[in-house]
């Protein structure tokens, strides 16, 4: 979706969308909700990269990824995730320090 279309559908100025994308604007709850409604997502999905505890958003995303997979694909993806998790621990890259 273009910035112009998002601004139009959310009832915002085009310059506001640009400022939001660059992190140069502070948003009020009504603006956040309006943008989430236009994008047809929840506010936590919209902000999950900024939340300290976005666990349920990421778990739902992982579940959605696995939903259309065969059992073999699910096994491969799960094994890849476990390997990645172990490597994150090994190289001390797990920012949250949680298992």
C-alpha atoms as a PDB file:
ATOM      1  CA  UNK A   1       0.000   0.000   0.000  1.00  0.00           C
ATOM      2  CA  UNK A   2       1.325   3.433  -0.818  1.00  0.00           C
ATOM      3  CA  UNK A   3       1.779   6.161   1.780  1.00  0.00           C
ATOM      4  CA  UNK A   4      -0.799   8.202  -0.111  1.00  0.00           C
ATOM      5  CA  UNK A   5      -3.429   5.436   0.044  1.00  0.00           C
ATOM      6  CA  UNK A   6      -2.761   4.751   3.731  1.00  0.00           C
ATOM      7  CA  UNK A   7      -3.034   8.460   4.539  1.00  0.00           C
ATOM      8  CA  UNK A   8      -6.268   8.715   2.569  1.00  0.00           C
ATOM      9  CA  UNK A   9      -7.896   5.666   4.184  1.00  0.00           C
ATOM     10  CA  UNK A  10      -6.725   6.567   7.694  1.00  0.00           C
ATOM     11  CA  UNK A  11      -7.761  10.208   7.385  1.00  0.00           C
ATOM     12  CA  UNK A  12      -4.208  11.471   7.868  1.00  0.00           C
ATOM     13  CA  UNK A  13      -1.963  13.870   6.011  1.00  0.00           C
ATOM     14  CA  UNK A  14       0.552  12.278   3.644  1.00  0.00           C
ATOM     15  CA  UNK A  15       3.407  14.007   5.476  1.00  0.00           C
ATOM     16  CA  UNK A  16       2.229  12.375   8.731  1.00  0.00           C
ATOM     17  CA  UNK A  17       2.656   8.900   7.229  1.00  0.00           C
ATOM     18  CA  UNK A  18       6.180   9.747   6.144  1.00  0.00           C
ATOM     19  CA  UNK A  19       7.009  11.027   9.634  1.00  0.00           C
ATOM     20  CA  UNK A  20       5.519   7.893  11.198  1.00  0.00           C
ATOM     21  CA  UNK A  21       7.541   5.563   8.951  1.00  0.00           C
ATOM     22  CA  UNK A  22      10.756   7.388   9.826  1.00  0.00           C
ATOM     23  CA  UNK A  23       9.942   7.439  13.546  1.00  0.00           C
ATOM     24  CA  UNK A  24       9.916  11.227  13.529  1.00  0.00           C
ATOM     25  CA  UNK A  25       6.397  11.553  14.950  1.00  0.00           C
ATOM     26  CA  UNK A  26       4.781  10.590  18.215  1.00  0.00           C
ATOM     27  CA  UNK A  27       1.397   8.972  17.740  1.00  0.00           C
ATOM     28  CA  UNK A  28      -1.739   9.086  19.759  1.00  0.00           C
ATOM     29  CA  UNK A  29      -3.828   5.989  20.292  1.00  0.00           C
ATOM     30  CA  UNK A  30      -6.570   7.073  17.849  1.00  0.00           C
ATOM     31  CA  UNK A  31      -3.982   7.389  15.048  1.00  0.00           C
ATOM     32  CA  UNK A  32      -2.466   3.986  15.844  1.00  0.00           C
ATOM     33  CA  UNK A  33      -5.894   2.357  15.901  1.00  0.00           C
ATOM     34  CA  UNK A  34      -6.869   4.045  12.646  1.00  0.00           C
ATOM     35  CA  UNK A  35      -3.743   2.793  10.901  1.00  0.00           C
ATOM     36  CA  UNK A  36      -4.211  -0.728  12.308  1.00  0.00           C
ATOM     37  CA  UNK A  37      -7.818  -0.758  11.097  1.00  0.00           C
ATOM     38  CA  UNK A  38      -6.795   0.332   7.599  1.00  0.00           C
ATOM     39  CA  UNK A  39      -4.090  -2.344   7.504  1.00  0.00           C
ATOM     40  CA  UNK A  40      -6.545  -4.914   8.929  1.00  0.00           C
ATOM     41  CA  UNK A  41      -4.249  -5.933  11.747  1.00  0.00           C
ATOM     42  CA  UNK A  42      -4.265  -5.636  15.505  1.00  0.00           C
ATOM     43  CA  UNK A  43      -2.361  -2.885  17.269  1.00  0.00           C
ATOM     44  CA  UNK A  44      -0.017  -5.471  18.823  1.00  0.00           C
ATOM     45  CA  UNK A  45       0.755  -6.854  15.351  1.00  0.00           C
ATOM     46  CA  UNK A  46       1.443  -3.334  14.139  1.00  0.00           C
ATOM     47  CA  UNK A  47       3.757  -2.557  17.051  1.00  0.00           C
ATOM     48  CA  UNK A  48       5.259  -5.975  17.818  1.00  0.00           C
ATOM     49  CA  UNK A  49       8.764  -4.958  16.758  1.00  0.00           C
ATOM     50  CA  UNK A  50       8.654  -2.184  19.355  1.00  0.00           C
ATOM     51  CA  UNK A  51       7.107  -4.161  22.221  1.00  0.00           C
ATOM     52  CA  UNK A  52       9.221  -5.699  24.961  1.00  0.00           C
ATOM     53  CA  UNK A  53       6.930  -8.734  25.233  1.00  0.00           C
ATOM     54  CA  UNK A  54       5.430  -9.418  21.783  1.00  0.00           C
ATOM     55  CA  UNK A  55       5.433 -13.180  22.366  1.00  0.00           C
ATOM     56  CA  UNK A  56       1.858 -13.916  21.316  1.00  0.00           C
ATOM     57  CA  UNK A  57       2.277 -12.029  18.025  1.00  0.00           C
ATOM     58  CA  UNK A  58       5.359 -14.015  17.053  1.00  0.00           C
ATOM     59  CA  UNK A  59       3.838 -17.317  18.195  1.00  0.00           C
ATOM     60  CA  UNK A  60       0.767 -16.653  16.056  1.00  0.00           C
ATOM     61  CA  UNK A  61       2.982 -15.764  13.092  1.00  0.00           C
ATOM     62  CA  UNK A  62       4.946 -19.025  13.521  1.00  0.00           C
ATOM     63  CA  UNK A  63       1.679 -20.946  13.760  1.00  0.00           C
ATOM     64  CA  UNK A  64       0.378 -19.264  10.603  1.00  0.00           C
ATOM     65  CA  UNK A  65       3.579 -20.183   8.753  1.00  0.00           C
ATOM     66  CA  UNK A  66       3.197 -23.839   9.723  1.00  0.00           C
ATOM     67  CA  UNK A  67      -0.535 -23.953   8.963  1.00  0.00           C
ATOM     68  CA  UNK A  68      -0.257 -24.723   5.258  1.00  0.00           C
ATOM     69  CA  UNK A  69       2.723 -27.063   5.485  1.00  0.00           C
ATOM     70  CA  UNK A  70       2.975 -30.801   5.107  1.00  0.00           C
ATOM     71  CA  UNK A  71       4.249 -32.812   8.080  1.00  0.00           C
ATOM     72  CA  UNK A  72       7.674 -33.090   6.421  1.00  0.00           C
ATOM     73  CA  UNK A  73       7.809 -29.328   5.928  1.00  0.00           C
ATOM     74  CA  UNK A  74       6.729 -28.732   9.526  1.00  0.00           C
ATOM     75  CA  UNK A  75       9.484 -31.054  10.764  1.00  0.00           C
ATOM     76  CA  UNK A  76      12.098 -29.274   8.639  1.00  0.00           C
ATOM     77  CA  UNK A  77      10.958 -25.806   9.779  1.00  0.00           C
ATOM     78  CA  UNK A  78      10.845 -26.892  13.427  1.00  0.00           C
ATOM     79  CA  UNK A  79      14.335 -28.399  13.191  1.00  0.00           C
ATOM     80  CA  UNK A  80      15.590 -25.180  11.570  1.00  0.00           C
ATOM     81  CA  UNK A  81      14.063 -23.118  14.367  1.00  0.00           C
ATOM     82  CA  UNK A  82      15.688 -25.306  17.027  1.00  0.00           C
ATOM     83  CA  UNK A  83      19.069 -25.016  15.317  1.00  0.00           C
ATOM     84  CA  UNK A  84      18.682 -21.260  15.057  1.00  0.00           C
ATOM     85  CA  UNK A  85      17.694 -21.007  18.725  1.00  0.00           C
ATOM     86  CA  UNK A  86      20.741 -23.011  19.803  1.00  0.00           C
ATOM     87  CA  UNK A  87      23.014 -20.826  17.668  1.00  0.00           C
ATOM     88  CA  UNK A  88      21.522 -17.689  19.184  1.00  0.00           C
ATOM     89  CA  UNK A  89      22.294 -19.057  22.645  1.00  0.00           C
ATOM     90  CA  UNK A  90      25.767 -20.197  21.628  1.00  0.00           C
ATOM     91  CA  UNK A  91      26.701 -16.793  20.262  1.00  0.00           C
ATOM     92  CA  UNK A  92      24.845 -14.984  23.070  1.00  0.00           C
ATOM     93  CA  UNK A  93      22.521 -13.283  20.611  1.00  0.00           C
ATOM     94  CA  UNK A  94      19.275 -13.904  22.495  1.00  0.00           C
ATOM     95  CA  UNK A  95      18.429 -10.317  23.448  1.00  0.00           C
ATOM     96  CA  UNK A  96      15.540 -11.269  25.737  1.00  0.00           C
ATOM     97  CA  UNK A  97      17.587 -13.860  27.664  1.00  0.00           C
ATOM     98  CA  UNK A  98      14.578 -16.229  27.802  1.00  0.00           C
ATOM     99  CA  UNK A  99      14.233 -19.875  26.821  1.00  0.00           C
END
